[in-house]
Amino acid sequence: MTLQIIGTYAVAFCLFIGAFFSLVGVIGLLKFNDPMTRLHAPTKVGTVGIGALLLASMIHAWVFGEGSMHEALIMAFLFVTAPISANFIAKVNIHRKACETPPDPPKDDTWSTLVDPLAPEDDKALEKA
């Protein structure tokens, strides 16, 4: 077996895995009912699918031609921005009351941003200090 044959099998495997995970993400996006459950499909499953497709592109570039690092930059950007955007989308849904509000944590009334931890009186006290 030559390196090109092994590379072809590796590319085919990554394409299959990437297509499968992307398909599962799309089905989850279409089938889930509310925005909070719909959020999980593209951010978690879709990220793995796109990562596998980009990995297939990198393997193909290194085996059959000149190497390319553009895909690595795309993957890094994707893996950094997907969780942040998912967090923002979840917070918007919570604030718009488009979903069920999470339960209160024990012994704490300032969960996330639902309750302002600094009331106006506390702000004035901080300014004086």
Protein backbone atom coordinates (compact mmCIF):
# COMPACT_ATOMS: atom_id res chain seq x y z
CA MET A 1 0.00 0.00 0.00
CA THR A 2 1.28 3.38 -0.91
CA LEU A 3 0.83 6.58 0.99
CA GLN A 4 -1.72 7.80 -1.54
CA ILE A 5 -3.95 4.75 -1.06
CA ILE A 6 -3.81 5.08 2.71
CA GLY A 7 -4.54 8.82 2.33
CA THR A 8 -7.52 8.05 0.10
CA TYR A 9 -8.97 5.70 2.72
CA ALA A 10 -8.35 8.24 5.48
CA VAL A 11 -10.07 10.98 3.44
CA ALA A 12 -13.03 8.69 2.70
CA PHE A 13 -13.34 7.76 6.39
CA CYS A 14 -13.24 11.42 7.50
CA LEU A 15 -15.79 12.38 4.82
CA PHE A 16 -18.10 9.59 5.97
CA ILE A 17 -17.81 10.58 9.64
CA GLY A 18 -18.23 14.27 8.84
CA ALA A 19 -21.28 13.68 6.66
CA PHE A 20 -22.86 11.41 9.29
CA PHE A 21 -22.41 13.93 12.13
CA SER A 22 -23.60 16.81 9.95
CA LEU A 23 -26.70 14.82 8.99
CA VAL A 24 -27.44 14.03 12.64
CA GLY A 25 -27.05 17.75 13.48
CA VAL A 26 -29.48 18.76 10.74
CA ILE A 27 -32.04 16.14 11.79
CA GLY A 28 -31.74 17.29 15.40
CA LEU A 29 -32.20 20.90 14.36
CA LEU A 30 -35.38 20.02 12.47
CA LYS A 31 -36.89 17.55 14.96
CA PHE A 32 -36.39 19.25 18.33
CA ASN A 33 -39.27 21.40 19.54
CA ASP A 34 -38.02 24.36 21.58
CA PRO A 35 -35.01 26.63 20.98
CA MET A 36 -32.94 25.35 23.90
CA THR A 37 -33.01 21.72 22.78
CA ARG A 38 -32.61 22.80 19.15
CA LEU A 39 -29.43 24.57 20.16
CA HIS A 40 -27.54 21.37 20.98
CA ALA A 41 -27.70 19.78 17.54
CA PRO A 42 -25.76 22.30 15.46
CA THR A 43 -23.32 23.38 18.17
CA LYS A 44 -22.19 19.98 19.35
CA VAL A 45 -22.82 17.45 16.60
CA GLY A 46 -22.38 19.89 13.74
CA THR A 47 -19.01 21.07 15.04
CA VAL A 48 -17.67 17.51 15.03
CA GLY A 49 -19.07 16.97 11.53
CA ILE A 50 -17.52 20.12 10.09
CA GLY A 51 -14.26 19.32 11.89
CA ALA A 52 -14.12 15.88 10.26
CA LEU A 53 -14.84 17.37 6.82
CA LEU A 54 -12.06 19.91 7.29
CA LEU A 55 -9.72 17.16 8.48
CA ALA A 56 -10.49 15.23 5.29
CA SER A 57 -9.59 18.32 3.27
CA MET A 58 -6.31 18.70 5.16
CA ILE A 59 -5.36 15.05 4.63
CA HIS A 60 -6.17 15.31 0.93
CA ALA A 61 -4.09 18.47 0.56
CA TRP A 62 -1.06 16.91 2.27
CA VAL A 63 -1.22 13.57 0.46
CA PHE A 64 -2.05 14.66 -3.09
CA GLY A 65 -0.54 18.10 -3.37
CA GLU A 66 0.83 20.94 -1.40
CA GLY A 67 -0.02 21.03 2.26
CA SER A 68 -2.61 23.47 3.47
CA MET A 69 -3.10 24.96 6.91
CA HIS A 70 -6.17 27.04 6.04
CA GLU A 71 -8.43 24.27 7.30
CA ALA A 72 -6.67 24.23 10.67
CA LEU A 73 -7.38 27.94 11.06
CA ILE A 74 -11.02 27.39 10.13
CA MET A 75 -11.28 24.55 12.68
CA ALA A 76 -9.70 26.67 15.41
CA PHE A 77 -12.10 29.53 14.69
CA LEU A 78 -15.06 27.13 14.63
CA PHE A 79 -14.14 25.41 17.90
CA VAL A 80 -13.66 28.76 19.65
CA THR A 81 -16.77 30.54 18.38
CA ALA A 82 -19.36 27.74 18.50
CA PRO A 83 -19.56 27.46 22.32
CA ILE A 84 -19.59 31.25 22.74
CA SER A 85 -22.41 31.74 20.25
CA ALA A 86 -24.35 28.85 21.83
CA ASN A 87 -24.02 30.53 25.23
CA PHE A 88 -25.30 33.84 23.86
CA ILE A 89 -28.24 32.19 22.11
CA ALA A 90 -29.15 30.33 25.31
CA LYS A 91 -29.00 33.56 27.36
CA VAL A 92 -31.23 35.36 24.86
CA ASN A 93 -33.79 32.55 25.05
CA ILE A 94 -33.75 32.66 28.84
CA HIS A 95 -34.17 36.46 28.96
CA ARG A 96 -36.96 36.45 26.37
CA LYS A 97 -38.64 33.69 28.39
CA ALA A 98 -38.85 31.62 25.20
CA CYS A 99 -38.01 28.51 27.20
CA GLU A 100 -38.44 27.08 30.64
CA THR A 101 -36.42 29.05 33.18
CA PRO A 102 -33.67 26.99 34.81
CA PRO A 103 -34.22 26.03 38.45
CA ASP A 104 -32.79 28.27 41.15
CA PRO A 105 -29.42 27.11 42.45
CA PRO A 106 -29.26 26.22 46.13
CA LYS A 107 -28.29 29.08 48.49
CA ASP A 108 -27.82 31.61 45.70
CA ASP A 109 -30.15 34.13 44.10
CA THR A 110 -27.85 35.48 41.40
CA TRP A 111 -27.83 32.68 38.86
CA SER A 112 -26.22 33.78 35.61
CA THR A 113 -27.74 37.13 34.67
CA LEU A 114 -31.35 36.55 35.69
CA VAL A 115 -30.99 38.61 38.86
CA ASP A 116 -28.79 41.70 38.94
CA PRO A 117 -26.23 41.10 41.69
CA LEU A 118 -25.56 44.82 42.04
CA ALA A 119 -28.71 46.70 42.91
CA PRO A 120 -28.60 50.51 42.54
CA GLU A 121 -27.92 50.88 46.28
CA ASP A 122 -24.90 48.63 45.98
CA ASP A 123 -23.63 50.62 43.00
CA LYS A 124 -23.66 53.82 45.05
CA ALA A 125 -21.82 52.09 47.88
CA LEU A 126 -19.15 50.89 45.45
CA GLU A 127 -18.70 54.40 44.02
CA LYS A 128 -18.07 55.84 47.48
CA ALA A 129 -15.46 53.21 48.30
